[in-house]
């Protein structure tokens, strides 16, 4: 039982180090991808495109609700 405390600390250290590395990689690769997505979506969509998309989403939701009910 006395040795399990240091073993648990080593496991926690490895888990925390792996988590820090994954967060660092996510930040390093995520920020450039996010910048490209923001640049692509910056102009937005027009009123006609928005009306078409909203109609399609409404129809899909009505069908989904009818199937679930």
Protein backbone atom coordinates (compact mmCIF):
# COMPACT_ATOMS: atom_id res chain seq x y z
CA UNK A 1 0.00 0.00 0.00
CA UNK A 2 2.83 2.40 0.71
CA UNK A 3 4.23 2.05 -2.81
CA UNK A 4 0.90 2.71 -4.51
CA UNK A 5 1.01 6.42 -3.67
CA UNK A 6 4.17 7.05 -5.68
CA UNK A 7 2.90 4.88 -8.52
CA UNK A 8 -0.29 6.90 -8.67
CA UNK A 9 1.70 10.14 -8.71
CA UNK A 10 3.77 8.87 -11.63
CA UNK A 11 0.61 7.92 -13.54
CA UNK A 12 -0.89 11.36 -12.87
CA UNK A 13 2.32 13.02 -14.02
CA UNK A 14 2.26 11.09 -17.28
CA UNK A 15 -1.43 11.85 -17.83
CA UNK A 16 -0.93 15.56 -17.15
CA UNK A 17 2.13 15.71 -19.41
CA UNK A 18 0.23 13.98 -22.23
CA UNK A 19 -2.69 16.36 -21.72
CA UNK A 20 -0.39 19.38 -21.89
CA UNK A 21 1.18 18.09 -25.11
CA UNK A 22 -2.25 17.48 -26.67
CA UNK A 23 -3.44 20.96 -25.69
CA UNK A 24 -0.27 22.47 -27.12
CA UNK A 25 -0.72 20.59 -30.40
CA UNK A 26 -4.37 21.61 -30.54
CA UNK A 27 -3.44 25.25 -30.14
CA UNK A 28 -0.57 25.03 -32.61
CA UNK A 29 -2.63 23.42 -35.36
CA UNK A 30 -6.07 24.74 -34.42
CA UNK A 31 -5.43 28.47 -34.63
CA UNK A 32 -4.35 28.51 -38.31
CA UNK A 33 -7.32 26.31 -39.26
CA UNK A 34 -9.67 28.56 -37.31
CA UNK A 35 -8.29 31.66 -39.04
CA UNK A 36 -8.98 30.10 -42.45
CA UNK A 37 -12.53 29.21 -41.42
CA UNK A 38 -13.21 32.73 -40.16
CA UNK A 39 -11.85 34.23 -43.38
CA UNK A 40 -14.05 31.94 -45.48
CA UNK A 41 -17.19 32.75 -43.48
CA UNK A 42 -16.56 36.48 -43.04
CA UNK A 43 -18.71 37.71 -45.96
CA UNK A 44 -21.69 35.68 -44.72
CA UNK A 45 -24.60 34.63 -46.92
CA UNK A 46 -27.22 36.74 -48.62
CA UNK A 47 -30.90 36.97 -47.79
CA UNK A 48 -31.92 34.65 -50.64
CA UNK A 49 -29.45 31.96 -49.59
CA UNK A 50 -30.50 32.31 -45.95
CA UNK A 51 -34.18 31.89 -46.92
CA UNK A 52 -33.40 28.71 -48.86
CA UNK A 53 -31.35 27.23 -46.05
CA UNK A 54 -33.95 28.10 -43.42
CA UNK A 55 -36.73 26.53 -45.53
CA UNK A 56 -34.68 23.34 -45.93
CA UNK A 57 -33.89 23.14 -42.22
CA UNK A 58 -37.56 23.70 -41.36
CA UNK A 59 -38.72 20.91 -43.67
CA UNK A 60 -36.11 18.50 -42.31
CA UNK A 61 -37.11 19.30 -38.73
CA UNK A 62 -40.82 18.83 -39.51
CA UNK A 63 -40.10 15.43 -41.04
CA UNK A 64 -37.87 14.50 -38.10
CA UNK A 65 -40.54 15.50 -35.58
CA UNK A 66 -43.20 13.57 -37.50
CA UNK A 67 -41.07 10.42 -37.53
CA UNK A 68 -40.26 10.70 -33.84
CA UNK A 69 -43.89 11.39 -32.85
